Amino acid sequence: MGCPVSKIVAKGQGSALMRDPLAAAVIFRTLRKAVSVAFTIKIRGGWDDRTMNAVEIARLAESEGVDAITVHPRTRSQQFTGRAPWEIIAAVGAAVRLPIVGNGDVRSVADARAMAAATGCAAVMIGRGALGAPWVFRGTETGRPERAAIIRRHAALIEAHLSEREALVQLKKHLAWYSAGLPGSAALRPRLFAARTAAEVLDLFWETW
């Protein structure tokens, strides 16, 4: 219920379910009966500024046996713009007895600690903050040689586990993220996406690195 992508919400899925609490409750009940493992969901603050119903959805989820809730407090209409209103995470946490996982605008361990302190959430989910910076989870400064080793390992795993075509797509995306902040990165990215082979993508990236 957190996904804001147009092709998903157009089918009444993802964050479109924030507009239909009854349908969401039926889905929660059906899934709870179908699975014996922990059942968790992710929600947004609401559909738009007129439909800020995260608390309502959370209470429904609790009543239908959901075990934990991740809250991204922006509405679907906000997509990923503006500041994430962490107070919505706190409001959800105050409304239910379930563990709440906070999400939104966390790009460092310091941010995670600030979110936990501000909202009382039981855990923190990092999403976009880890793209191009997976070392964020270490919580310590990661030097350039260590970052290079991580990038090489990531690229090797992509090539080892994906088809040639899909690996090329994923290498382009991830190396573009890894290039952020590098001198010449703006000029590099169009060249990465125009590359025809994985080897070419890697060569372009390491030339800039």
C-alpha atoms as a PDB file:
ATOM      1  CA  MET A   1       0.000   0.000   0.000  1.00  0.00           C
ATOM      2  CA  GLY A   2       3.033   2.254  -0.134  1.00  0.00           C
ATOM      3  CA  CYS A   3       3.670   2.126  -3.889  1.00  0.00           C
ATOM      4  CA  PRO A   4       2.715   5.421  -5.623  1.00  0.00           C
ATOM      5  CA  VAL A   5       3.576   4.388  -9.211  1.00  0.00           C
ATOM      6  CA  SER A   6       0.835   5.349 -11.677  1.00  0.00           C
ATOM      7  CA  LYS A   7       0.608   1.974 -13.438  1.00  0.00           C
ATOM      8  CA  ILE A   8       0.046   0.311 -10.051  1.00  0.00           C
ATOM      9  CA  VAL A   9      -2.500   2.722  -8.584  1.00  0.00           C
ATOM     10  CA  ALA A  10      -4.403   2.776 -11.894  1.00  0.00           C
ATOM     11  CA  LYS A  11      -5.348  -0.850 -11.129  1.00  0.00           C
ATOM     12  CA  GLY A  12      -6.530   0.024  -7.635  1.00  0.00           C
ATOM     13  CA  GLN A  13      -3.391  -1.434  -6.113  1.00  0.00           C
ATOM     14  CA  GLY A  14      -0.520   0.005  -4.077  1.00  0.00           C
ATOM     15  CA  SER A  15      -1.311   3.306  -2.416  1.00  0.00           C
ATOM     16  CA  ALA A  16      -4.686   3.429  -4.213  1.00  0.00           C
ATOM     17  CA  LEU A  17      -5.889   1.131  -1.421  1.00  0.00           C
ATOM     18  CA  MET A  18      -5.504   4.058   0.974  1.00  0.00           C
ATOM     19  CA  ARG A  19      -8.692   5.376  -0.669  1.00  0.00           C
ATOM     20  CA  ASP A  20     -10.595   2.152  -0.025  1.00  0.00           C
ATOM     21  CA  PRO A  21     -10.332   1.077   3.631  1.00  0.00           C
ATOM     22  CA  LEU A  22     -13.001  -1.616   3.207  1.00  0.00           C
ATOM     23  CA  ALA A  23     -11.102  -3.312   0.384  1.00  0.00           C
ATOM     24  CA  ALA A  24      -7.898  -3.022   2.418  1.00  0.00           C
ATOM     25  CA  ALA A  25      -9.577  -4.682   5.412  1.00  0.00           C
ATOM     26  CA  VAL A  26     -10.797  -7.572   3.243  1.00  0.00           C
ATOM     27  CA  ILE A  27      -7.269  -8.059   1.892  1.00  0.00           C
ATOM     28  CA  PHE A  28      -5.809  -8.010   5.419  1.00  0.00           C
ATOM     29  CA  ARG A  29      -8.327 -10.603   6.609  1.00  0.00           C
ATOM     30  CA  THR A  30      -7.784 -12.862   3.598  1.00  0.00           C
ATOM     31  CA  LEU A  31      -4.008 -12.747   3.862  1.00  0.00           C
ATOM     32  CA  ARG A  32      -4.062 -13.296   7.614  1.00  0.00           C
ATOM     33  CA  LYS A  33      -6.009 -16.517   7.062  1.00  0.00           C
ATOM     34  CA  ALA A  34      -3.691 -17.599   4.252  1.00  0.00           C
ATOM     35  CA  VAL A  35      -0.297 -17.183   5.928  1.00  0.00           C
ATOM     36  CA  SER A  36       1.125 -18.472   9.194  1.00  0.00           C
ATOM     37  CA  VAL A  37       4.275 -16.344   9.165  1.00  0.00           C
ATOM     38  CA  ALA A  38       4.528 -12.755  10.382  1.00  0.00           C
ATOM     39  CA  PHE A  39       2.260 -10.535   8.306  1.00  0.00           C
ATOM     40  CA  THR A  40       3.418  -6.953   7.871  1.00  0.00           C
ATOM     41  CA  ILE A  41       2.232  -4.097   5.677  1.00  0.00           C
ATOM     42  CA  LYS A  42       3.522  -0.739   4.488  1.00  0.00           C
ATOM     43  CA  ILE A  43       1.219   2.268   4.203  1.00  0.00           C
ATOM     44  CA  ARG A  44       1.440   5.946   3.312  1.00  0.00           C
ATOM     45  CA  GLY A  45       0.079   8.918   5.201  1.00  0.00           C
ATOM     46  CA  GLY A  46      -2.925   8.843   2.887  1.00  0.00           C
ATOM     47  CA  TRP A  47      -3.930   9.402  -0.716  1.00  0.00           C
ATOM     48  CA  ASP A  48      -3.764  13.194  -0.680  1.00  0.00           C
ATOM     49  CA  ASP A  49      -4.053  16.106   1.755  1.00  0.00           C
ATOM     50  CA  ARG A  50      -7.815  15.525   2.036  1.00  0.00           C
ATOM     51  CA  THR A  51      -7.390  11.821   2.758  1.00  0.00           C
ATOM     52  CA  MET A  52      -4.846  11.589   5.563  1.00  0.00           C
ATOM     53  CA  ASN A  53      -6.066   8.270   6.926  1.00  0.00           C
ATOM     54  CA  ALA A  54      -2.955   6.360   8.009  1.00  0.00           C
ATOM     55  CA  VAL A  55      -4.316   6.022  11.548  1.00  0.00           C
ATOM     56  CA  GLU A  56      -7.623   4.594  10.278  1.00  0.00           C
ATOM     57  CA  ILE A  57      -5.871   2.071   8.051  1.00  0.00           C
ATOM     58  CA  ALA A  58      -3.495   1.103  10.868  1.00  0.00           C
ATOM     59  CA  ARG A  59      -6.383   0.431  13.251  1.00  0.00           C
ATOM     60  CA  LEU A  60      -8.084  -1.723  10.605  1.00  0.00           C
ATOM     61  CA  ALA A  61      -4.838  -3.620  10.061  1.00  0.00           C
ATOM     62  CA  GLU A  62      -4.465  -4.255  13.770  1.00  0.00           C
ATOM     63  CA  SER A  63      -8.045  -5.520  14.052  1.00  0.00           C
ATOM     64  CA  GLU A  64      -7.452  -7.938  11.157  1.00  0.00           C
ATOM     65  CA  GLY A  65      -4.333  -9.504  12.660  1.00  0.00           C
ATOM     66  CA  VAL A  66      -1.502  -7.641  10.956  1.00  0.00           C
ATOM     67  CA  ASP A  67       1.695  -8.034  13.011  1.00  0.00           C
ATOM     68  CA  ALA A  68       3.571  -4.813  12.212  1.00  0.00           C
ATOM     69  CA  ILE A  69       3.205  -1.709  10.056  1.00  0.00           C
ATOM     70  CA  THR A  70       5.758   0.335   8.145  1.00  0.00           C
ATOM     71  CA  VAL A  71       4.651   3.940   7.703  1.00  0.00           C
ATOM     72  CA  HIS A  72       5.879   6.246   4.956  1.00  0.00           C
ATOM     73  CA  PRO A  73       4.162   9.485   6.010  1.00  0.00           C
ATOM     74  CA  ARG A  74       3.948  11.286   2.667  1.00  0.00           C
ATOM     75  CA  THR A  75       0.683  10.992   0.757  1.00  0.00           C
ATOM     76  CA  ARG A  76       0.500   9.361  -2.646  1.00  0.00           C
ATOM     77  CA  SER A  77      -0.010  12.753  -4.272  1.00  0.00           C
ATOM     78  CA  GLN A  78       3.243  13.980  -2.723  1.00  0.00           C
ATOM     79  CA  GLN A  79       5.129  11.051  -4.231  1.00  0.00           C
ATOM     80  CA  PHE A  80       8.642  11.668  -2.845  1.00  0.00           C
ATOM     81  CA  THR A  81       8.549  15.467  -2.744  1.00  0.00           C
ATOM     82  CA  GLY A  82       8.787  17.737   0.263  1.00  0.00           C
ATOM     83  CA  ARG A  83       9.744  16.823   3.792  1.00  0.00           C
ATOM     84  CA  ALA A  84       8.382  13.568   5.170  1.00  0.00           C
ATOM     85  CA  PRO A  85       6.048  14.533   8.062  1.00  0.00           C
ATOM     86  CA  TRP A  86       7.368  12.209  10.750  1.00  0.00           C
ATOM     87  CA  GLU A  87       4.577  13.270  13.120  1.00  0.00           C
ATOM     88  CA  ILE A  88       2.252  10.966  11.164  1.00  0.00           C
ATOM     89  CA  ILE A  89       4.463   8.013  12.088  1.00  0.00           C
ATOM     90  CA  ALA A  90       4.142   9.053  15.737  1.00  0.00           C
ATOM     91  CA  ALA A  91       0.357   9.354  15.408  1.00  0.00           C
ATOM     92  CA  VAL A  92       0.063   5.847  13.998  1.00  0.00           C
ATOM     93  CA  GLY A  93       2.269   4.498  16.765  1.00  0.00           C
ATOM     94  CA  ALA A  94       0.070   6.150  19.387  1.00  0.00           C
ATOM     95  CA  ALA A  95      -3.098   4.712  17.825  1.00  0.00           C
ATOM     96  CA  VAL A  96      -2.169   1.011  17.746  1.00  0.00           C
ATOM     97  CA  ARG A  97      -0.238  -1.487  19.847  1.00  0.00           C
ATOM     98  CA  LEU A  98       1.674  -2.948  16.912  1.00  0.00           C
ATOM     99  CA  PRO A  99       5.383  -2.372  16.245  1.00  0.00           C
ATOM    100  CA  ILE A 100       5.756   0.581  13.876  1.00  0.00           C
ATOM    101  CA  VAL A 101       8.599   0.899  11.382  1.00  0.00           C
ATOM    102  CA  GLY A 102       9.321   4.465  10.304  1.00  0.00           C
ATOM    103  CA  ASN A 103      10.301   5.336   6.739  1.00  0.00           C
ATOM    104  CA  GLY A 104      11.060   8.556   4.872  1.00  0.00           C
ATOM    105  CA  ASP A 105      14.006  10.953   4.611  1.00  0.00           C
ATOM    106  CA  VAL A 106      16.470   8.672   6.400  1.00  0.00           C
ATOM    107  CA  ARG A 107      19.905   8.801   4.794  1.00  0.00           C
ATOM    108  CA  SER A 108      22.202   8.132   7.739  1.00  0.00           C
ATOM    109  CA  VAL A 109      22.360   6.470  11.132  1.00  0.00           C
ATOM    110  CA  ALA A 110      21.940   9.927  12.664  1.00  0.00           C
ATOM    111  CA  ASP A 111      18.698  10.372  10.693  1.00  0.00           C
ATOM    112  CA  ALA A 112      17.482   6.963  11.881  1.00  0.00           C
ATOM    113  CA  ARG A 113      18.183   7.837  15.492  1.00  0.00           C
ATOM    114  CA  ALA A 114      16.421  11.182  15.068  1.00  0.00           C
ATOM    115  CA  MET A 115      13.358   9.456  13.605  1.00  0.00           C
ATOM    116  CA  ALA A 116      13.224   6.921  16.428  1.00  0.00           C
ATOM    117  CA  ALA A 117      13.514   9.698  19.011  1.00  0.00           C
ATOM    118  CA  ALA A 118      10.878  11.870  17.327  1.00  0.00           C
ATOM    119  CA  THR A 119       8.300   9.158  16.623  1.00  0.00           C
ATOM    120  CA  GLY A 120       8.917   6.331  19.072  1.00  0.00           C
ATOM    121  CA  CYS A 121       9.009   3.853  16.174  1.00  0.00           C
ATOM    122  CA  ALA A 122      10.357   0.380  16.902  1.00  0.00           C
ATOM    123  CA  ALA A 123      12.576   0.276  13.818  1.00  0.00           C
ATOM    124  CA  VAL A 124      13.557   2.311  10.785  1.00  0.00           C
ATOM    125  CA  MET A 125      13.371   1.370   7.099  1.00  0.00           C
ATOM    126  CA  ILE A 126      15.840   2.964   4.702  1.00  0.00           C
ATOM    127  CA  GLY A 127      14.812   2.990   1.049  1.00  0.00           C
ATOM    128  CA  ARG A 128      16.097   5.587  -1.421  1.00  0.00           C
ATOM    129  CA  GLY A 129      18.757   6.644   1.087  1.00  0.00           C
ATOM    130  CA  ALA A 130      20.605   3.395   0.401  1.00  0.00           C
ATOM    131  CA  LEU A 131      20.610   3.726  -3.403  1.00  0.00           C
ATOM    132  CA  GLY A 132      24.177   4.455  -4.372  1.00  0.00           C
ATOM    133  CA  ALA A 133      25.172   4.333  -0.703  1.00  0.00           C
ATOM    134  CA  PRO A 134      24.586   0.832   0.744  1.00  0.00           C
ATOM    135  CA  TRP A 135      27.317   1.539   3.300  1.00  0.00           C
ATOM    136  CA  VAL A 136      24.768   3.699   5.123  1.00  0.00           C
ATOM    137  CA  PHE A 137      23.898   0.606   7.167  1.00  0.00           C
ATOM    138  CA  ARG A 138      27.414   0.426   8.615  1.00  0.00           C
ATOM    139  CA  GLY A 139      26.912   3.604  10.557  1.00  0.00           C
ATOM    140  CA  THR A 140      30.582   4.503  10.204  1.00  0.00           C
ATOM    141  CA  GLU A 141      32.623   6.443   7.668  1.00  0.00           C
ATOM    142  CA  THR A 142      33.422   4.272   4.641  1.00  0.00           C
ATOM    143  CA  GLY A 143      36.576   5.198   2.755  1.00  0.00           C
ATOM    144  CA  ARG A 144      36.929   5.390  -1.004  1.00  0.00           C
ATOM    145  CA  PRO A 145      38.783   2.035  -1.369  1.00  0.00           C
ATOM    146  CA  GLU A 146      36.086   0.281   0.695  1.00  0.00           C
ATOM    147  CA  ARG A 147      33.357   1.888  -1.385  1.00  0.00           C
ATOM    148  CA  ALA A 148      35.043   0.758  -4.581  1.00  0.00           C
ATOM    149  CA  ALA A 149      35.230  -2.816  -3.269  1.00  0.00           C
ATOM    150  CA  ILE A 150      31.523  -2.751  -2.389  1.00  0.00           C
ATOM    151  CA  ILE A 151      30.611  -1.425  -5.836  1.00  0.00           C
ATOM    152  CA  ARG A 152      32.703  -4.092  -7.565  1.00  0.00           C
ATOM    153  CA  ARG A 153      31.076  -6.807  -5.445  1.00  0.00           C
ATOM    154  CA  HIS A 154      27.607  -5.438  -6.206  1.00  0.00           C
ATOM    155  CA  ALA A 155      28.311  -5.348  -9.934  1.00  0.00           C
ATOM    156  CA  ALA A 156      29.651  -8.907  -9.846  1.00  0.00           C
ATOM    157  CA  LEU A 157      26.519 -10.146  -8.060  1.00  0.00           C
ATOM    158  CA  ILE A 158      24.277  -8.430 -10.598  1.00  0.00           C
ATOM    159  CA  GLU A 159      26.072 -10.150 -13.478  1.00  0.00           C
ATOM    160  CA  ALA A 160      26.135 -13.507 -11.682  1.00  0.00           C
ATOM    161  CA  HIS A 161      22.441 -13.657 -10.815  1.00  0.00           C
ATOM    162  CA  LEU A 162      20.640 -11.888 -13.651  1.00  0.00           C
ATOM    163  CA  SER A 163      20.239 -12.527 -17.353  1.00  0.00           C
ATOM    164  CA  GLU A 164      22.552 -10.568 -19.629  1.00  0.00           C
ATOM    165  CA  ARG A 165      19.797  -8.166 -20.619  1.00  0.00           C
ATOM    166  CA  GLU A 166      18.515  -7.545 -17.094  1.00  0.00           C
ATOM    167  CA  ALA A 167      22.047  -7.256 -15.730  1.00  0.00           C
ATOM    168  CA  LEU A 168      22.771  -4.485 -18.237  1.00  0.00           C
ATOM    169  CA  VAL A 169      19.679  -2.570 -17.107  1.00  0.00           C
ATOM    170  CA  GLN A 170      20.511  -2.946 -13.417  1.00  0.00           C
ATOM    171  CA  LEU A 171      24.184  -2.049 -13.849  1.00  0.00           C
ATOM    172  CA  LYS A 172      23.230   1.170 -15.601  1.00  0.00           C
ATOM    173  CA  LYS A 173      20.814   2.162 -12.837  1.00  0.00           C
ATOM    174  CA  HIS A 174      23.032   1.300  -9.908  1.00  0.00           C
ATOM    175  CA  LEU A 175      26.254   2.695 -11.323  1.00  0.00           C
ATOM    176  CA  ALA A 176      24.393   5.915 -12.137  1.00  0.00           C
ATOM    177  CA  TRP A 177      23.408   6.104  -8.455  1.00  0.00           C
ATOM    178  CA  TYR A 178      26.969   5.292  -7.372  1.00  0.00           C
ATOM    179  CA  SER A 179      28.265   8.100  -9.578  1.00  0.00           C
ATOM    180  CA  ALA A 180      26.437  10.778  -7.591  1.00  0.00           C
ATOM    181  CA  GLY A 181      28.905  13.346  -6.328  1.00  0.00           C
ATOM    182  CA  LEU A 182      31.746  12.270  -8.589  1.00  0.00           C
ATOM    183  CA  PRO A 183      33.401  14.939 -10.738  1.00  0.00           C
ATOM    184  CA  GLY A 184      31.865  14.634 -14.209  1.00  0.00           C
ATOM    185  CA  SER A 185      28.942  12.495 -13.018  1.00  0.00           C
ATOM    186  CA  ALA A 186      26.371  14.603 -14.899  1.00  0.00           C
ATOM    187  CA  ALA A 187      28.161  13.917 -18.162  1.00  0.00           C
ATOM    188  CA  LEU A 188      28.741  10.281 -17.275  1.00  0.00           C
ATOM    189  CA  ARG A 189      25.137   9.238 -16.733  1.00  0.00           C
ATOM    190  CA  PRO A 190      23.895   9.703 -20.347  1.00  0.00           C
ATOM    191  CA  ARG A 191      26.905   7.722 -21.536  1.00  0.00           C
ATOM    192  CA  LEU A 192      26.138   4.925 -19.073  1.00  0.00           C
ATOM    193  CA  PHE A 193      22.552   4.642 -20.270  1.00  0.00           C
ATOM    194  CA  ALA A 194      23.657   4.660 -23.912  1.00  0.00           C
ATOM    195  CA  ALA A 195      26.151   1.820 -23.397  1.00  0.00           C
ATOM    196  CA  ARG A 196      25.362  -1.454 -25.143  1.00  0.00           C
ATOM    197  CA  THR A 197      27.221  -3.964 -22.978  1.00  0.00           C
ATOM    198  CA  ALA A 198      27.928  -4.536 -19.303  1.00  0.00           C
ATOM    199  CA  ALA A 199      31.646  -4.287 -19.955  1.00  0.00           C
ATOM    200  CA  GLU A 200      31.199  -0.883 -21.560  1.00  0.00           C
ATOM    201  CA  VAL A 201      29.109   0.345 -18.623  1.00  0.00           C
ATOM    202  CA  LEU A 202      31.729  -0.801 -16.132  1.00  0.00           C
ATOM    203  CA  ASP A 203      34.592   0.693 -18.114  1.00  0.00           C
ATOM    204  CA  LEU A 204      32.838   4.077 -18.307  1.00  0.00           C
ATOM    205  CA  PHE A 205      32.111   4.078 -14.596  1.00  0.00           C
ATOM    206  CA  TRP A 206      35.634   3.158 -13.461  1.00  0.00           C
ATOM    207  CA  GLU A 207      37.179   5.691 -15.823  1.00  0.00           C
ATOM    208  CA  THR A 208      35.229   8.356 -13.948  1.00  0.00           C
ATOM    209  CA  TRP A 209      35.739   6.854 -10.501  1.00  0.00           C
END
